[in-house]
């Protein structure tokens, strides 16, 4: 449970500022704000990994539902990434003629 989902972030939020924010609750292992591949802009959510479960729980208690940059942020335990199906599996994405 050391990996946390952080949602409803301001699009101007930086990984550095999130690291400093969550550092109040313990040792931050990593921070990743998810960016749109096409625009290069933030998608408004990211992930923070804390060193221990206790630090992660403290961060959830302290930050979930608080206001940051005019937005009520959501902080909870990150769920495992689901395997996605679909996409271009035949012929590199070319249709059949």
N, C-alpha and C. Protein backbone atom coordinates (compact mmCIF):
# COMPACT_ATOMS: atom_id res chain seq x y z
N UNK A 1 0.81 -1.19 0.00
CA UNK A 1 0.00 0.00 0.00
C UNK A 1 0.85 1.26 0.00
N UNK A 2 2.09 1.17 -0.26
CA UNK A 2 2.93 2.36 -0.19
C UNK A 2 2.72 3.27 -1.40
N UNK A 3 2.10 2.77 -2.47
CA UNK A 3 1.85 3.59 -3.65
C UNK A 3 0.46 4.21 -3.55
N UNK A 4 0.40 5.53 -3.69
CA UNK A 4 -0.84 6.27 -3.54
C UNK A 4 -1.27 6.89 -4.85
N UNK A 5 -2.58 6.89 -5.09
CA UNK A 5 -3.18 7.62 -6.20
C UNK A 5 -3.52 9.01 -5.69
N UNK A 6 -3.18 10.03 -6.46
CA UNK A 6 -3.50 11.41 -6.09
C UNK A 6 -4.27 12.01 -7.26
N UNK A 7 -5.55 12.29 -7.05
CA UNK A 7 -6.40 12.77 -8.13
C UNK A 7 -6.95 14.16 -7.92
N UNK A 8 -7.53 14.69 -8.98
CA UNK A 8 -8.12 16.03 -9.03
C UNK A 8 -7.08 17.12 -8.79
N UNK A 9 -5.88 16.88 -9.32
CA UNK A 9 -4.79 17.86 -9.19
C UNK A 9 -4.98 19.00 -10.17
N UNK A 10 -4.46 20.15 -9.80
CA UNK A 10 -4.39 21.27 -10.73
C UNK A 10 -3.47 20.85 -11.88
N UNK A 11 -3.79 21.31 -13.09
CA UNK A 11 -2.98 20.94 -14.25
C UNK A 11 -1.59 21.58 -14.20
N UNK A 12 -1.41 22.54 -13.30
CA UNK A 12 -0.09 23.19 -13.16
C UNK A 12 0.74 22.57 -12.04
N UNK A 13 0.21 21.56 -11.36
CA UNK A 13 0.94 20.91 -10.25
C UNK A 13 2.21 20.25 -10.77
N UNK A 14 3.29 20.36 -10.00
CA UNK A 14 4.56 19.75 -10.40
C UNK A 14 4.89 18.55 -9.52
N UNK A 15 5.73 17.68 -10.04
CA UNK A 15 6.18 16.53 -9.25
C UNK A 15 6.97 16.99 -8.03
N UNK A 16 7.74 18.06 -8.19
CA UNK A 16 8.53 18.60 -7.08
C UNK A 16 7.62 19.08 -5.95
N UNK A 17 6.55 19.80 -6.29
CA UNK A 17 5.65 20.31 -5.25
C UNK A 17 4.91 19.17 -4.54
N UNK A 18 4.54 18.13 -5.29
CA UNK A 18 3.90 16.97 -4.65
C UNK A 18 4.87 16.25 -3.73
N UNK A 19 6.11 16.13 -4.14
CA UNK A 19 7.13 15.49 -3.32
C UNK A 19 7.30 16.24 -1.99
N UNK A 20 7.34 17.55 -2.07
CA UNK A 20 7.47 18.37 -0.86
C UNK A 20 6.24 18.23 0.03
N UNK A 21 5.07 18.24 -0.58
CA UNK A 21 3.81 18.11 0.16
C UNK A 21 3.75 16.79 0.93
N UNK A 22 4.00 15.67 0.22
CA UNK A 22 3.91 14.36 0.85
C UNK A 22 5.10 14.09 1.76
N UNK A 23 6.18 14.82 1.59
CA UNK A 23 7.34 14.70 2.47
C UNK A 23 7.01 15.05 3.91
N UNK A 24 5.93 15.80 4.13
CA UNK A 24 5.49 16.11 5.49
C UNK A 24 5.06 14.86 6.25
N UNK A 25 4.76 13.79 5.52
CA UNK A 25 4.26 12.55 6.14
C UNK A 25 5.30 11.45 6.19
N UNK A 26 6.49 11.69 5.64
CA UNK A 26 7.53 10.67 5.65
C UNK A 26 8.41 10.76 4.43
N UNK A 27 9.08 9.67 4.16
CA UNK A 27 10.03 9.62 3.05
C UNK A 27 9.33 9.27 1.74
N UNK A 28 9.44 10.15 0.76
CA UNK A 28 8.83 9.95 -0.54
C UNK A 28 9.82 9.22 -1.44
N UNK A 29 9.42 8.05 -1.93
CA UNK A 29 10.28 7.25 -2.81
C UNK A 29 10.23 7.73 -4.25
N UNK A 30 9.01 8.04 -4.73
CA UNK A 30 8.87 8.50 -6.11
C UNK A 30 7.57 9.27 -6.27
N UNK A 31 7.55 10.14 -7.28
CA UNK A 31 6.37 10.91 -7.65
C UNK A 31 6.26 10.89 -9.16
N UNK A 32 5.05 10.64 -9.66
CA UNK A 32 4.85 10.63 -11.11
C UNK A 32 3.49 11.26 -11.42
N UNK A 33 3.50 12.40 -12.10
CA UNK A 33 2.27 12.99 -12.60
C UNK A 33 2.07 12.46 -14.01
N UNK A 34 0.87 11.98 -14.30
CA UNK A 34 0.58 11.37 -15.59
C UNK A 34 0.29 12.47 -16.61
N UNK A 35 0.99 12.37 -17.74
CA UNK A 35 0.89 13.38 -18.79
C UNK A 35 0.19 12.82 -20.02
N UNK A 36 -0.56 13.66 -20.71
CA UNK A 36 -1.20 13.28 -21.97
C UNK A 36 -0.12 13.14 -23.04
N UNK A 37 -0.12 12.03 -23.75
CA UNK A 37 0.91 11.77 -24.76
C UNK A 37 0.83 12.74 -25.93
N UNK A 38 -0.37 13.15 -26.28
CA UNK A 38 -0.54 14.03 -27.44
C UNK A 38 -0.18 15.49 -27.14
N UNK A 39 -0.62 15.98 -25.98
CA UNK A 39 -0.43 17.40 -25.67
C UNK A 39 0.76 17.67 -24.77
N UNK A 40 1.21 16.65 -24.03
CA UNK A 40 2.29 16.84 -23.08
C UNK A 40 1.86 17.54 -21.80
N UNK A 41 0.55 17.73 -21.63
CA UNK A 41 0.02 18.40 -20.44
C UNK A 41 -0.46 17.37 -19.42
N UNK A 42 -0.51 17.80 -18.17
CA UNK A 42 -0.95 16.93 -17.08
C UNK A 42 -2.38 16.46 -17.32
N UNK A 43 -2.65 15.22 -16.90
CA UNK A 43 -4.01 14.69 -16.94
C UNK A 43 -4.75 14.97 -15.63
N UNK A 44 -4.07 15.59 -14.66
CA UNK A 44 -4.72 15.95 -13.41
C UNK A 44 -4.68 14.89 -12.33
N UNK A 45 -3.83 13.88 -12.54
CA UNK A 45 -3.65 12.87 -11.49
C UNK A 45 -2.24 12.32 -11.56
N UNK A 46 -1.87 11.63 -10.48
CA UNK A 46 -0.54 11.06 -10.44
C UNK A 46 -0.42 10.04 -9.32
N UNK A 47 0.82 9.63 -9.07
CA UNK A 47 1.09 8.61 -8.07
C UNK A 47 2.27 9.04 -7.21
N UNK A 48 2.16 8.77 -5.92
CA UNK A 48 3.23 9.05 -4.97
C UNK A 48 3.52 7.75 -4.24
N UNK A 49 4.78 7.39 -4.16
CA UNK A 49 5.16 6.17 -3.43
C UNK A 49 5.89 6.57 -2.17
N UNK A 50 5.37 6.11 -1.04
CA UNK A 50 5.97 6.39 0.26
C UNK A 50 6.82 5.18 0.69
N UNK A 51 7.71 5.41 1.65
CA UNK A 51 8.63 4.34 2.09
C UNK A 51 7.95 3.22 2.85
N UNK A 52 6.94 3.56 3.66
CA UNK A 52 6.29 2.53 4.49
C UNK A 52 4.78 2.66 4.41
N UNK A 53 4.09 1.60 4.80
CA UNK A 53 2.63 1.63 4.85
C UNK A 53 2.13 2.68 5.83
N UNK A 54 2.83 2.82 6.95
CA UNK A 54 2.43 3.80 7.96
C UNK A 54 2.50 5.22 7.40
N UNK A 55 3.54 5.52 6.64
CA UNK A 55 3.67 6.84 6.02
C UNK A 55 2.57 7.05 4.98
N UNK A 56 2.26 6.02 4.24
CA UNK A 56 1.20 6.10 3.24
C UNK A 56 -0.15 6.37 3.91
N UNK A 57 -0.44 5.67 4.98
CA UNK A 57 -1.70 5.88 5.71
C UNK A 57 -1.76 7.29 6.29
N UNK A 58 -0.63 7.78 6.79
CA UNK A 58 -0.58 9.14 7.33
C UNK A 58 -0.85 10.17 6.24
N UNK A 59 -0.31 9.93 5.05
CA UNK A 59 -0.52 10.84 3.93
C UNK A 59 -1.99 10.86 3.50
N UNK A 60 -2.61 9.69 3.47
CA UNK A 60 -4.04 9.63 3.12
C UNK A 60 -4.85 10.41 4.14
N UNK A 61 -4.58 10.18 5.43
CA UNK A 61 -5.31 10.87 6.49
C UNK A 61 -5.12 12.38 6.41
N UNK A 62 -3.91 12.80 6.13
CA UNK A 62 -3.60 14.23 6.13
C UNK A 62 -4.12 14.95 4.88
N UNK A 63 -4.01 14.34 3.70
CA UNK A 63 -4.24 15.06 2.46
C UNK A 63 -5.55 14.75 1.73
N UNK A 64 -6.16 13.59 1.95
CA UNK A 64 -7.39 13.26 1.22
C UNK A 64 -8.50 14.26 1.55
N UNK A 65 -9.07 14.86 0.51
CA UNK A 65 -10.17 15.81 0.68
C UNK A 65 -9.74 17.24 0.96
N UNK A 66 -8.44 17.48 1.07
CA UNK A 66 -7.98 18.84 1.33
C UNK A 66 -7.97 19.65 0.03
N UNK A 67 -8.00 20.96 0.18
CA UNK A 67 -7.99 21.84 -0.98
C UNK A 67 -6.57 22.22 -1.33
N UNK A 68 -6.28 22.14 -2.61
CA UNK A 68 -4.96 22.51 -3.13
C UNK A 68 -5.16 23.17 -4.48
N UNK A 69 -4.68 24.38 -4.62
CA UNK A 69 -4.85 25.16 -5.85
C UNK A 69 -6.31 25.25 -6.26
N UNK A 70 -7.19 25.40 -5.26
CA UNK A 70 -8.61 25.56 -5.54
C UNK A 70 -9.35 24.28 -5.87
N UNK A 71 -8.71 23.13 -5.70
CA UNK A 71 -9.34 21.85 -6.00
C UNK A 71 -9.27 20.93 -4.79
N UNK A 72 -10.31 20.16 -4.58
CA UNK A 72 -10.34 19.17 -3.51
C UNK A 72 -9.67 17.90 -4.01
N UNK A 73 -8.47 17.63 -3.49
CA UNK A 73 -7.72 16.49 -4.03
C UNK A 73 -8.17 15.18 -3.39
N UNK A 74 -7.98 14.11 -4.13
CA UNK A 74 -8.32 12.76 -3.69
C UNK A 74 -7.03 11.98 -3.51
N UNK A 75 -6.85 11.38 -2.34
CA UNK A 75 -5.66 10.58 -2.07
C UNK A 75 -6.11 9.24 -1.50
N UNK A 76 -5.73 8.15 -2.17
CA UNK A 76 -6.04 6.82 -1.65
C UNK A 76 -5.00 5.82 -2.14
N UNK A 77 -5.10 4.60 -1.63
CA UNK A 77 -4.16 3.55 -2.05
C UNK A 77 -4.36 3.28 -3.53
N UNK A 78 -3.26 3.21 -4.27
CA UNK A 78 -3.33 2.94 -5.70
C UNK A 78 -3.72 1.49 -5.93
N UNK A 79 -4.58 1.29 -6.90
CA UNK A 79 -4.99 -0.06 -7.27
C UNK A 79 -4.02 -0.59 -8.31
N UNK A 80 -3.82 -1.91 -8.34
CA UNK A 80 -2.94 -2.47 -9.37
C UNK A 80 -3.47 -2.13 -10.76
N UNK A 81 -2.57 -1.89 -11.67
CA UNK A 81 -2.94 -1.54 -13.04
C UNK A 81 -3.61 -2.73 -13.70
N UNK A 82 -4.78 -2.49 -14.28
CA UNK A 82 -5.49 -3.56 -14.97
C UNK A 82 -4.93 -3.75 -16.36
N UNK A 83 -4.89 -5.01 -16.77
CA UNK A 83 -4.42 -5.32 -18.11
C UNK A 83 -5.51 -4.91 -19.09
N UNK A 84 -5.12 -4.11 -20.09
CA UNK A 84 -6.10 -3.65 -21.06
C UNK A 84 -5.98 -4.47 -22.33
N UNK A 85 -7.13 -4.75 -22.92
CA UNK A 85 -7.15 -5.49 -24.17
C UNK A 85 -7.58 -4.57 -25.28
N UNK A 86 -7.34 -5.02 -26.49
CA UNK A 86 -7.74 -4.21 -27.64
C UNK A 86 -6.53 -3.62 -28.30
N UNK A 87 -6.77 -2.60 -29.08
CA UNK A 87 -5.67 -1.97 -29.78
C UNK A 87 -5.46 -2.62 -31.13
N UNK A 88 -4.30 -2.44 -31.66
CA UNK A 88 -3.98 -2.93 -32.99
C UNK A 88 -3.22 -4.24 -32.87
N UNK A 89 -3.93 -5.34 -32.98
CA UNK A 89 -3.27 -6.61 -32.80
C UNK A 89 -2.99 -7.34 -34.12
N UNK A 90 -3.61 -6.89 -35.20
CA UNK A 90 -3.40 -7.58 -36.47
C UNK A 90 -2.86 -6.60 -37.51
N UNK A 91 -1.80 -6.97 -38.14
CA UNK A 91 -1.29 -6.20 -39.24
C UNK A 91 -0.81 -4.80 -38.89
N UNK A 92 -0.40 -4.61 -37.65
CA UNK A 92 0.10 -3.30 -37.28
C UNK A 92 -0.96 -2.21 -37.34
N UNK A 93 -2.22 -2.58 -37.22
CA UNK A 93 -3.27 -1.59 -37.21
C UNK A 93 -3.91 -1.33 -38.57
N UNK A 94 -3.49 -2.04 -39.56
CA UNK A 94 -4.07 -1.87 -40.90
C UNK A 94 -5.37 -2.66 -41.01
N UNK A 95 -6.30 -2.08 -41.68
CA UNK A 95 -7.57 -2.79 -41.92
C UNK A 95 -7.42 -3.80 -43.03
N UNK A 96 -8.32 -4.72 -43.11
CA UNK A 96 -8.29 -5.71 -44.18
C UNK A 96 -9.03 -5.17 -45.39
N UNK A 97 -8.52 -5.47 -46.58
CA UNK A 97 -9.15 -4.99 -47.80
C UNK A 97 -9.69 -6.13 -48.60
